[in-house]
Amino acid sequence: MASSDSHRLTYLSSLVAGKPKPTSVPVASGNQLHIGNYVVRAKLGTPPQLMFMVLDTSNDAVWLPCSGCSGCSNASTSFNTNSSSTYSTVSCSTAQCTQARGLTCPSSSPQPSVCSFNQSYGGDSSFSASLVQDTLTLAPDVIPNFSFGCINSASGNSLPPQGLMGLGRGPMSLVSQTTSLYSGVFSYCLPSFRSFYFSGSLKLGLLGQPKSIRYTPLLRNPRRPSLYYVNLTGVSVGSVQVPVDPVYLTFDANSGAGTIIDSGTVITRFAQPVYEAIRDEFRKQVISLISQLV
């Protein structure tokens, strides 16, 4: 019987080993990094260097501070390019360089120049980065020659200390660069912000996605093609539907108006008339409740 059990265990293990496994990348609250965002656990380079990068659905690029960065918050959390055997820079002559927003390349140079780009972030911060490639590791998946921004200099206080993982629709995002692997499919389950553990998950690819969920379609707006729009139709406070002019909520592909889903923004924001209507109804209900208690 013991011998049969051993053979059965070997057989079952072989079945499990032969099955493709879903890619689930751990996600945590940014509490431990003293930021209001959610962070994903990723590794870059060979050997892999662990980074806790902000999860951002409204950003197209992947970027992080690199060794020697001027103005970056903490040198100990930077990616050490000299320690990776698979690290390489991207030339201005490559197709990837033309896809980087805010790129800067010399118009004439005898030698191929390193592709660079400048971007702003969070309203009060900006950075200059070189476009580079290295091996990205997400859970069990190893992705070679992944393109990302290596920050050389930064200013302001809003930059995530260990970088940002862009999940937007643009060509430089994680979603776009891994289409052959994950088919452009992802979902995420966010943990409690009070949690210090990686109890959330970023699921990549068709395998392992939730089978029975309630959903609203993510719309594409040609005016702002990298963002994920939803069709917001109304807002309620408690059981009361707030009276709002539909013009402030309606998705409009011609003007770029509408509501976006942004995992990198801490506070939900509405157009001023919508906010005021919600505020007034909230005040009304609070005053009514207080008067009942008194």
C-alpha atoms as a PDB file:
ATOM      1  CA  MET A   1       0.000   0.000   0.000  1.00  0.00           C
ATOM      2  CA  ALA A   2       2.836   2.358   0.874  1.00  0.00           C
ATOM      3  CA  SER A   3       4.485   1.621  -2.462  1.00  0.00           C
ATOM      4  CA  SER A   4       1.227   2.315  -4.328  1.00  0.00           C
ATOM      5  CA  ASP A   5       0.800   5.617  -2.488  1.00  0.00           C
ATOM      6  CA  SER A   6       4.279   6.670  -3.543  1.00  0.00           C
ATOM      7  CA  HIS A   7       3.566   5.884  -7.198  1.00  0.00           C
ATOM      8  CA  ARG A   8       0.213   7.709  -7.009  1.00  0.00           C
ATOM      9  CA  LEU A   9       1.868  10.798  -5.526  1.00  0.00           C
ATOM     10  CA  THR A  10       4.482  10.801  -8.304  1.00  0.00           C
ATOM     11  CA  TYR A  11       1.733  10.519 -10.930  1.00  0.00           C
ATOM     12  CA  LEU A  12      -0.355  13.354  -9.463  1.00  0.00           C
ATOM     13  CA  SER A  13       2.738  15.556  -9.135  1.00  0.00           C
ATOM     14  CA  SER A  14       3.540  15.007 -12.811  1.00  0.00           C
ATOM     15  CA  LEU A  15       0.019  16.169 -13.761  1.00  0.00           C
ATOM     16  CA  VAL A  16       0.378  19.341 -11.699  1.00  0.00           C
ATOM     17  CA  ALA A  17       3.848  20.032 -13.088  1.00  0.00           C
ATOM     18  CA  GLY A  18       2.553  19.751 -16.647  1.00  0.00           C
ATOM     19  CA  LYS A  19      -0.251  22.273 -16.139  1.00  0.00           C
ATOM     20  CA  PRO A  20       0.427  25.951 -16.861  1.00  0.00           C
ATOM     21  CA  LYS A  21       0.164  28.051 -13.721  1.00  0.00           C
ATOM     22  CA  PRO A  22      -1.469  31.496 -13.549  1.00  0.00           C
ATOM     23  CA  THR A  23       0.819  34.460 -12.968  1.00  0.00           C
ATOM     24  CA  SER A  24      -0.118  36.206  -9.740  1.00  0.00           C
ATOM     25  CA  VAL A  25       2.214  39.015  -8.646  1.00  0.00           C
ATOM     26  CA  PRO A  26       1.988  40.065  -4.955  1.00  0.00           C
ATOM     27  CA  VAL A  27       0.524  43.520  -4.245  1.00  0.00           C
ATOM     28  CA  ALA A  28       0.727  45.438  -0.958  1.00  0.00           C
ATOM     29  CA  SER A  29      -0.348  48.741   0.490  1.00  0.00           C
ATOM     30  CA  GLY A  30       2.252  51.492   0.213  1.00  0.00           C
ATOM     31  CA  ASN A  31       2.020  51.899   3.978  1.00  0.00           C
ATOM     32  CA  GLN A  32       5.482  50.490   4.567  1.00  0.00           C
ATOM     33  CA  LEU A  33       6.961  52.954   2.055  1.00  0.00           C
ATOM     34  CA  HIS A  34       4.961  55.850   3.568  1.00  0.00           C
ATOM     35  CA  ILE A  35       3.078  56.503   0.338  1.00  0.00           C
ATOM     36  CA  GLY A  36      -0.641  56.439  -0.469  1.00  0.00           C
ATOM     37  CA  ASN A  37      -0.399  54.069  -3.444  1.00  0.00           C
ATOM     38  CA  TYR A  38      -0.320  50.297  -3.877  1.00  0.00           C
ATOM     39  CA  VAL A  39       2.962  48.594  -4.714  1.00  0.00           C
ATOM     40  CA  VAL A  40       3.760  45.469  -6.704  1.00  0.00           C
ATOM     41  CA  ARG A  41       6.707  43.181  -5.959  1.00  0.00           C
ATOM     42  CA  ALA A  42       8.916  42.931  -9.044  1.00  0.00           C
ATOM     43  CA  LYS A  43      12.525  42.012  -9.770  1.00  0.00           C
ATOM     44  CA  LEU A  44      14.889  43.487 -12.334  1.00  0.00           C
ATOM     45  CA  GLY A  45      18.270  42.438 -13.607  1.00  0.00           C
ATOM     46  CA  THR A  46      20.509  39.371 -13.415  1.00  0.00           C
ATOM     47  CA  PRO A  47      20.820  38.418 -10.601  1.00  0.00           C
ATOM     48  CA  PRO A  48      17.348  39.826  -9.771  1.00  0.00           C
ATOM     49  CA  GLN A  49      17.096  42.956  -7.626  1.00  0.00           C
ATOM     50  CA  LEU A  50      13.855  43.285  -5.624  1.00  0.00           C
ATOM     51  CA  MET A  51      11.837  46.481  -6.149  1.00  0.00           C
ATOM     52  CA  PHE A  52       8.480  47.612  -4.709  1.00  0.00           C
ATOM     53  CA  MET A  53       6.976  49.595  -7.575  1.00  0.00           C
ATOM     54  CA  VAL A  54       3.773  51.655  -7.573  1.00  0.00           C
ATOM     55  CA  LEU A  55       0.925  50.099  -9.567  1.00  0.00           C
ATOM     56  CA  ASP A  56      -0.388  52.760 -11.970  1.00  0.00           C
ATOM     57  CA  THR A  57      -3.068  52.138 -14.611  1.00  0.00           C
ATOM     58  CA  SER A  58      -2.894  55.699 -15.942  1.00  0.00           C
ATOM     59  CA  ASN A  59       0.818  55.655 -16.766  1.00  0.00           C
ATOM     60  CA  ASP A  60       2.300  54.061 -19.870  1.00  0.00           C
ATOM     61  CA  ALA A  61       5.933  53.682 -18.909  1.00  0.00           C
ATOM     62  CA  VAL A  62       7.831  51.631 -16.372  1.00  0.00           C
ATOM     63  CA  TRP A  63      10.545  53.611 -14.633  1.00  0.00           C
ATOM     64  CA  LEU A  64      12.633  53.529 -11.467  1.00  0.00           C
ATOM     65  CA  PRO A  65      15.616  55.295  -9.872  1.00  0.00           C
ATOM     66  CA  CYS A  66      19.000  53.914 -10.899  1.00  0.00           C
ATOM     67  CA  SER A  67      22.349  53.986  -9.132  1.00  0.00           C
ATOM     68  CA  GLY A  68      23.931  57.423  -9.189  1.00  0.00           C
ATOM     69  CA  CYS A  69      20.590  59.214  -9.545  1.00  0.00           C
ATOM     70  CA  SER A  70      20.768  62.875  -8.575  1.00  0.00           C
ATOM     71  CA  GLY A  71      17.820  64.026  -6.449  1.00  0.00           C
ATOM     72  CA  CYS A  72      16.316  60.566  -5.881  1.00  0.00           C
ATOM     73  CA  SER A  73      15.030  60.012  -2.355  1.00  0.00           C
ATOM     74  CA  ASN A  74      17.057  56.999  -1.245  1.00  0.00           C
ATOM     75  CA  ALA A  75      20.138  55.556  -2.922  1.00  0.00           C
ATOM     76  CA  SER A  76      19.671  52.189  -1.157  1.00  0.00           C
ATOM     77  CA  THR A  77      16.414  51.552  -3.046  1.00  0.00           C
ATOM     78  CA  SER A  78      17.873  52.312  -6.480  1.00  0.00           C
ATOM     79  CA  PHE A  79      18.442  49.747  -9.213  1.00  0.00           C
ATOM     80  CA  ASN A  80      22.169  48.992  -9.473  1.00  0.00           C
ATOM     81  CA  THR A  81      22.876  48.798 -13.191  1.00  0.00           C
ATOM     82  CA  ASN A  82      26.494  47.711 -12.668  1.00  0.00           C
ATOM     83  CA  SER A  83      25.370  44.583 -10.820  1.00  0.00           C
ATOM     84  CA  SER A  84      23.246  43.232 -13.688  1.00  0.00           C
ATOM     85  CA  SER A  85      24.834  41.151 -16.425  1.00  0.00           C
ATOM     86  CA  THR A  86      21.785  41.577 -18.717  1.00  0.00           C
ATOM     87  CA  TYR A  87      21.528  45.378 -18.518  1.00  0.00           C
ATOM     88  CA  SER A  88      21.839  47.402 -21.732  1.00  0.00           C
ATOM     89  CA  THR A  89      20.972  50.893 -22.959  1.00  0.00           C
ATOM     90  CA  VAL A  90      18.620  51.649 -25.858  1.00  0.00           C
ATOM     91  CA  SER A  91      19.944  53.632 -28.808  1.00  0.00           C
ATOM     92  CA  CYS A  92      18.179  56.627 -30.332  1.00  0.00           C
ATOM     93  CA  SER A  93      18.023  54.726 -33.617  1.00  0.00           C
ATOM     94  CA  THR A  94      15.697  52.011 -32.265  1.00  0.00           C
ATOM     95  CA  ALA A  95      11.909  51.830 -32.597  1.00  0.00           C
ATOM     96  CA  GLN A  96      11.475  51.790 -28.802  1.00  0.00           C
ATOM     97  CA  CYS A  97      12.967  55.261 -28.532  1.00  0.00           C
ATOM     98  CA  THR A  98      10.281  56.791 -30.714  1.00  0.00           C
ATOM     99  CA  GLN A  99       7.632  55.371 -28.358  1.00  0.00           C
ATOM    100  CA  ALA A 100       8.907  57.118 -25.233  1.00  0.00           C
ATOM    101  CA  ARG A 101       6.914  60.224 -24.293  1.00  0.00           C
ATOM    102  CA  GLY A 102       9.124  63.289 -23.838  1.00  0.00           C
ATOM    103  CA  LEU A 103      12.121  61.749 -25.619  1.00  0.00           C
ATOM    104  CA  THR A 104      15.266  63.743 -26.298  1.00  0.00           C
ATOM    105  CA  CYS A 105      17.809  62.677 -28.893  1.00  0.00           C
ATOM    106  CA  PRO A 106      20.533  64.761 -30.571  1.00  0.00           C
ATOM    107  CA  SER A 107      19.574  65.641 -34.136  1.00  0.00           C
ATOM    108  CA  SER A 108      23.066  64.842 -35.348  1.00  0.00           C
ATOM    109  CA  SER A 109      25.775  62.778 -33.699  1.00  0.00           C
ATOM    110  CA  PRO A 110      28.662  60.689 -35.086  1.00  0.00           C
ATOM    111  CA  GLN A 111      27.950  57.929 -32.532  1.00  0.00           C
ATOM    112  CA  PRO A 112      24.593  56.274 -31.690  1.00  0.00           C
ATOM    113  CA  SER A 113      23.248  58.124 -28.656  1.00  0.00           C
ATOM    114  CA  VAL A 114      21.424  56.669 -25.671  1.00  0.00           C
ATOM    115  CA  CYS A 115      17.697  57.359 -25.853  1.00  0.00           C
ATOM    116  CA  SER A 116      16.607  59.720 -23.069  1.00  0.00           C
ATOM    117  CA  PHE A 117      13.275  61.182 -22.013  1.00  0.00           C
ATOM    118  CA  ASN A 118      11.889  63.682 -19.544  1.00  0.00           C
ATOM    119  CA  GLN A 119       8.549  63.457 -17.761  1.00  0.00           C
ATOM    120  CA  SER A 120       6.604  65.152 -14.999  1.00  0.00           C
ATOM    121  CA  TYR A 121       4.782  63.261 -12.272  1.00  0.00           C
ATOM    122  CA  GLY A 122       2.315  64.126  -9.533  1.00  0.00           C
ATOM    123  CA  GLY A 123       2.106  67.800 -10.446  1.00  0.00           C
ATOM    124  CA  ASP A 124       5.234  68.887  -8.544  1.00  0.00           C
ATOM    125  CA  SER A 125       7.895  66.393  -9.618  1.00  0.00           C
ATOM    126  CA  SER A 126       9.859  65.656 -12.763  1.00  0.00           C
ATOM    127  CA  PHE A 127      12.682  63.392 -13.847  1.00  0.00           C
ATOM    128  CA  SER A 128      15.160  62.693 -16.607  1.00  0.00           C
ATOM    129  CA  ALA A 129      15.748  59.065 -17.562  1.00  0.00           C
ATOM    130  CA  SER A 130      17.607  56.884 -20.023  1.00  0.00           C
ATOM    131  CA  LEU A 131      15.671  54.226 -21.885  1.00  0.00           C
ATOM    132  CA  VAL A 132      17.257  50.876 -21.048  1.00  0.00           C
ATOM    133  CA  GLN A 133      16.547  47.141 -21.208  1.00  0.00           C
ATOM    134  CA  ASP A 134      16.961  44.347 -18.697  1.00  0.00           C
ATOM    135  CA  THR A 135      15.319  41.148 -17.495  1.00  0.00           C
ATOM    136  CA  LEU A 136      12.046  41.647 -15.602  1.00  0.00           C
ATOM    137  CA  THR A 137      10.871  38.887 -13.263  1.00  0.00           C
ATOM    138  CA  LEU A 138       7.216  38.785 -12.184  1.00  0.00           C
ATOM    139  CA  ALA A 139       6.363  35.871  -9.882  1.00  0.00           C
ATOM    140  CA  PRO A 140       7.578  32.800 -11.887  1.00  0.00           C
ATOM    141  CA  ASP A 141       7.783  34.592 -15.234  1.00  0.00           C
ATOM    142  CA  VAL A 142      11.106  35.834 -16.597  1.00  0.00           C
ATOM    143  CA  ILE A 143      10.770  38.514 -19.302  1.00  0.00           C
ATOM    144  CA  PRO A 144      14.046  39.292 -21.123  1.00  0.00           C
ATOM    145  CA  ASN A 145      14.864  42.588 -22.844  1.00  0.00           C
ATOM    146  CA  PHE A 146      12.136  44.544 -21.076  1.00  0.00           C
ATOM    147  CA  SER A 147      12.327  48.303 -21.807  1.00  0.00           C
ATOM    148  CA  PHE A 148      12.021  50.829 -18.979  1.00  0.00           C
ATOM    149  CA  GLY A 149      13.213  54.228 -17.855  1.00  0.00           C
ATOM    150  CA  CYS A 150      16.345  54.422 -15.715  1.00  0.00           C
ATOM    151  CA  ILE A 151      16.070  57.718 -13.787  1.00  0.00           C
ATOM    152  CA  ASN A 152      19.305  59.740 -13.735  1.00  0.00           C
ATOM    153  CA  SER A 153      18.046  62.917 -12.062  1.00  0.00           C
ATOM    154  CA  ALA A 154      14.842  63.929 -10.294  1.00  0.00           C
ATOM    155  CA  SER A 155      13.224  66.885  -8.569  1.00  0.00           C
ATOM    156  CA  GLY A 156      10.181  67.215  -6.306  1.00  0.00           C
ATOM    157  CA  ASN A 157       8.705  64.972  -3.634  1.00  0.00           C
ATOM    158  CA  SER A 158       6.065  62.925  -5.461  1.00  0.00           C
ATOM    159  CA  LEU A 159       8.161  60.276  -7.209  1.00  0.00           C
ATOM    160  CA  PRO A 160       7.625  56.749  -5.839  1.00  0.00           C
ATOM    161  CA  PRO A 161      10.859  55.804  -4.011  1.00  0.00           C
ATOM    162  CA  GLN A 162      11.291  52.483  -5.868  1.00  0.00           C
ATOM    163  CA  GLY A 163       9.716  53.350  -9.202  1.00  0.00           C
ATOM    164  CA  LEU A 164       6.468  52.863 -11.059  1.00  0.00           C
ATOM    165  CA  MET A 165       4.903  49.985 -12.994  1.00  0.00           C
ATOM    166  CA  GLY A 166       2.774  51.498 -15.768  1.00  0.00           C
ATOM    167  CA  LEU A 167      -0.246  49.404 -16.799  1.00  0.00           C
ATOM    168  CA  GLY A 168      -1.683  51.874 -19.323  1.00  0.00           C
ATOM    169  CA  ARG A 169      -2.518  51.160 -22.954  1.00  0.00           C
ATOM    170  CA  GLY A 170       0.521  52.904 -24.414  1.00  0.00           C
ATOM    171  CA  PRO A 171       3.283  50.998 -26.238  1.00  0.00           C
ATOM    172  CA  MET A 172       5.828  51.219 -23.385  1.00  0.00           C
ATOM    173  CA  SER A 173       3.575  49.872 -20.615  1.00  0.00           C
ATOM    174  CA  LEU A 174       3.888  46.459 -18.988  1.00  0.00           C
ATOM    175  CA  VAL A 175       0.620  45.383 -20.639  1.00  0.00           C
ATOM    176  CA  SER A 176       1.775  46.316 -24.153  1.00  0.00           C
ATOM    177  CA  GLN A 177       5.305  44.938 -23.864  1.00  0.00           C
ATOM    178  CA  THR A 178       4.055  41.543 -22.671  1.00  0.00           C
ATOM    179  CA  THR A 179       1.137  41.063 -25.105  1.00  0.00           C
ATOM    180  CA  SER A 180       2.600  37.814 -26.475  1.00  0.00           C
ATOM    181  CA  LEU A 181       2.793  36.426 -22.933  1.00  0.00           C
ATOM    182  CA  TYR A 182      -0.356  37.770 -21.249  1.00  0.00           C
ATOM    183  CA  SER A 183      -2.556  38.769 -24.241  1.00  0.00           C
ATOM    184  CA  GLY A 184      -3.083  42.239 -22.744  1.00  0.00           C
ATOM    185  CA  VAL A 185      -5.209  40.792 -19.906  1.00  0.00           C
ATOM    186  CA  PHE A 186      -4.814  41.741 -16.248  1.00  0.00           C
ATOM    187  CA  SER A 187      -6.836  42.207 -13.090  1.00  0.00           C
ATOM    188  CA  TYR A 188      -5.896  43.229  -9.581  1.00  0.00           C
ATOM    189  CA  CYS A 189      -7.215  42.661  -6.080  1.00  0.00           C
ATOM    190  CA  LEU A 190      -6.170  45.433  -3.718  1.00  0.00           C
ATOM    191  CA  PRO A 191      -5.473  44.700  -0.043  1.00  0.00           C
ATOM    192  CA  SER A 192      -6.509  46.825   2.927  1.00  0.00           C
ATOM    193  CA  PHE A 193      -4.431  49.999   3.068  1.00  0.00           C
ATOM    194  CA  ARG A 194      -3.766  49.267   6.747  1.00  0.00           C
ATOM    195  CA  SER A 195      -2.151  45.953   5.848  1.00  0.00           C
ATOM    196  CA  PHE A 196       1.641  45.662   5.844  1.00  0.00           C
ATOM    197  CA  TYR A 197       1.555  42.350   3.984  1.00  0.00           C
ATOM    198  CA  PHE A 198       1.474  41.430   0.285  1.00  0.00           C
ATOM    199  CA  SER A 199      -2.060  40.066   0.581  1.00  0.00           C
ATOM    200  CA  GLY A 200      -3.244  41.566  -2.738  1.00  0.00           C
ATOM    201  CA  SER A 201      -2.489  40.307  -6.230  1.00  0.00           C
ATOM    202  CA  LEU A 202      -1.955  41.416  -9.813  1.00  0.00           C
ATOM    203  CA  LYS A 203      -3.135  38.586 -12.073  1.00  0.00           C
ATOM    204  CA  LEU A 204      -1.631  38.610 -15.563  1.00  0.00           C
ATOM    205  CA  GLY A 205      -2.963  36.660 -18.547  1.00  0.00           C
ATOM    206  CA  LEU A 206      -6.175  34.767 -19.259  1.00  0.00           C
ATOM    207  CA  LEU A 207      -5.323  31.889 -16.937  1.00  0.00           C
ATOM    208  CA  GLY A 208      -6.524  32.273 -13.353  1.00  0.00           C
ATOM    209  CA  GLN A 209      -8.794  35.278 -13.936  1.00  0.00           C
ATOM    210  CA  PRO A 210     -12.056  35.399 -11.893  1.00  0.00           C
ATOM    211  CA  LYS A 211     -14.829  33.386 -13.570  1.00  0.00           C
ATOM    212  CA  SER A 212     -17.881  35.011 -11.999  1.00  0.00           C
ATOM    213  CA  ILE A 213     -17.660  38.750 -11.394  1.00  0.00           C
ATOM    214  CA  ARG A 214     -19.718  41.890 -11.813  1.00  0.00           C
ATOM    215  CA  TYR A 215     -18.048  44.278 -14.201  1.00  0.00           C
ATOM    216  CA  THR A 216     -18.387  47.465 -16.184  1.00  0.00           C
ATOM    217  CA  PRO A 217     -16.715  47.798 -19.610  1.00  0.00           C
ATOM    218  CA  LEU A 218     -13.435  49.709 -19.864  1.00  0.00           C
ATOM    219  CA  LEU A 219     -13.853  52.189 -22.692  1.00  0.00           C
ATOM    220  CA  ARG A 220     -11.212  53.551 -25.050  1.00  0.00           C
ATOM    221  CA  ASN A 221     -11.071  57.262 -25.787  1.00  0.00           C
ATOM    222  CA  PRO A 222      -9.108  58.259 -28.924  1.00  0.00           C
ATOM    223  CA  ARG A 223      -8.389  61.683 -27.424  1.00  0.00           C
ATOM    224  CA  ARG A 224      -6.542  60.021 -24.518  1.00  0.00           C
ATOM    225  CA  PRO A 225      -5.868  56.515 -25.857  1.00  0.00           C
ATOM    226  CA  SER A 226      -3.650  55.232 -23.043  1.00  0.00           C
ATOM    227  CA  LEU A 227      -6.293  55.633 -20.305  1.00  0.00           C
ATOM    228  CA  TYR A 228      -9.057  53.280 -19.135  1.00  0.00           C
ATOM    229  CA  TYR A 229     -12.471  54.979 -19.131  1.00  0.00           C
ATOM    230  CA  VAL A 230     -15.697  53.841 -17.455  1.00  0.00           C
ATOM    231  CA  ASN A 231     -19.212  55.045 -18.212  1.00  0.00           C
ATOM    232  CA  LEU A 232     -20.214  56.746 -14.946  1.00  0.00           C
ATOM    233  CA  THR A 233     -24.001  57.236 -14.987  1.00  0.00           C
ATOM    234  CA  GLY A 234     -24.736  58.624 -11.531  1.00  0.00           C
ATOM    235  CA  VAL A 235     -23.757  59.052  -7.888  1.00  0.00           C
ATOM    236  CA  SER A 236     -25.780  58.342  -4.760  1.00  0.00           C
ATOM    237  CA  VAL A 237     -25.281  59.330  -1.120  1.00  0.00           C
ATOM    238  CA  GLY A 238     -26.817  56.584   0.968  1.00  0.00           C
ATOM    239  CA  SER A 239     -30.029  55.682  -0.835  1.00  0.00           C
ATOM    240  CA  VAL A 240     -30.480  59.122  -2.401  1.00  0.00           C
ATOM    241  CA  GLN A 241     -29.574  59.589  -6.057  1.00  0.00           C
ATOM    242  CA  VAL A 242     -27.765  62.931  -6.352  1.00  0.00           C
ATOM    243  CA  PRO A 243     -29.237  65.176  -9.063  1.00  0.00           C
ATOM    244  CA  VAL A 244     -26.384  65.794 -11.516  1.00  0.00           C
ATOM    245  CA  ASP A 245     -26.504  67.180 -15.042  1.00  0.00           C
ATOM    246  CA  PRO A 246     -25.482  64.224 -17.291  1.00  0.00           C
ATOM    247  CA  VAL A 247     -23.200  66.518 -19.282  1.00  0.00           C
ATOM    248  CA  TYR A 248     -20.677  66.341 -16.414  1.00  0.00           C
ATOM    249  CA  LEU A 249     -20.604  62.526 -16.420  1.00  0.00           C
ATOM    250  CA  THR A 250     -21.141  61.484 -20.030  1.00  0.00           C
ATOM    251  CA  PHE A 251     -18.320  59.721 -21.842  1.00  0.00           C
ATOM    252  CA  ASP A 252     -17.448  61.672 -24.990  1.00  0.00           C
ATOM    253  CA  ALA A 253     -14.904  60.242 -27.429  1.00  0.00           C
ATOM    254  CA  ASN A 254     -14.831  63.486 -29.410  1.00  0.00           C
ATOM    255  CA  SER A 255     -13.827  65.778 -26.552  1.00  0.00           C
ATOM    256  CA  GLY A 256     -11.963  63.311 -24.300  1.00  0.00           C
ATOM    257  CA  ALA A 257     -14.462  63.858 -21.467  1.00  0.00           C
ATOM    258  CA  GLY A 258     -15.394  61.060 -19.113  1.00  0.00           C
ATOM    259  CA  THR A 259     -14.283  59.198 -16.008  1.00  0.00           C
ATOM    260  CA  ILE A 260     -11.051  57.222 -15.795  1.00  0.00           C
ATOM    261  CA  ILE A 261      -9.947  54.419 -13.472  1.00  0.00           C
ATOM    262  CA  ASP A 262      -6.565  55.318 -11.977  1.00  0.00           C
ATOM    263  CA  SER A 263      -4.883  53.034  -9.461  1.00  0.00           C
ATOM    264  CA  GLY A 264      -2.100  55.585  -8.990  1.00  0.00           C
ATOM    265  CA  THR A 265      -4.353  58.401  -7.728  1.00  0.00           C
ATOM    266  CA  VAL A 266      -5.160  58.451  -4.023  1.00  0.00           C
ATOM    267  CA  ILE A 267      -8.320  60.617  -4.028  1.00  0.00           C
ATOM    268  CA  THR A 268     -11.463  60.249  -6.164  1.00  0.00           C
ATOM    269  CA  ARG A 269     -12.113  63.524  -8.004  1.00  0.00           C
ATOM    270  CA  PHE A 270     -15.255  64.913  -9.639  1.00  0.00           C
ATOM    271  CA  ALA A 271     -15.947  67.974 -11.768  1.00  0.00           C
ATOM    272  CA  GLN A 272     -16.860  70.930  -9.538  1.00  0.00           C
ATOM    273  CA  PRO A 273     -20.660  70.838 -10.131  1.00  0.00           C
ATOM    274  CA  VAL A 274     -20.765  67.093  -9.383  1.00  0.00           C
ATOM    275  CA  TYR A 275     -18.672  67.512  -6.240  1.00  0.00           C
ATOM    276  CA  GLU A 276     -20.879  70.331  -4.970  1.00  0.00           C
ATOM    277  CA  ALA A 277     -24.046  68.282  -5.524  1.00  0.00           C
ATOM    278  CA  ILE A 278     -22.551  65.343  -3.590  1.00  0.00           C
ATOM    279  CA  ARG A 279     -21.290  67.654  -0.834  1.00  0.00           C
ATOM    280  CA  ASP A 280     -24.686  69.337  -0.395  1.00  0.00           C
ATOM    281  CA  GLU A 281     -26.558  66.022  -0.189  1.00  0.00           C
ATOM    282  CA  PHE A 282     -24.038  64.666   2.301  1.00  0.00           C
ATOM    283  CA  ARG A 283     -24.381  67.762   4.508  1.00  0.00           C
ATOM    284  CA  LYS A 284     -28.155  67.546   4.298  1.00  0.00           C
ATOM    285  CA  GLN A 285     -28.184  63.931   5.472  1.00  0.00           C
ATOM    286  CA  VAL A 286     -25.699  64.566   8.297  1.00  0.00           C
ATOM    287  CA  ILE A 287     -27.712  67.540   9.583  1.00  0.00           C
ATOM    288  CA  SER A 288     -30.895  65.452   9.445  1.00  0.00           C
ATOM    289  CA  LEU A 289     -29.238  62.646  11.402  1.00  0.00           C
ATOM    290  CA  ILE A 290     -27.912  65.032  14.061  1.00  0.00           C
ATOM    291  CA  SER A 291     -31.307  66.647  14.498  1.00  0.00           C
ATOM    292  CA  GLN A 292     -32.865  63.204  15.049  1.00  0.00           C
ATOM    293  CA  LEU A 293     -30.293  62.346  17.704  1.00  0.00           C
ATOM    294  CA  VAL A 294     -30.736  65.677  19.496  1.00  0.00           C
END
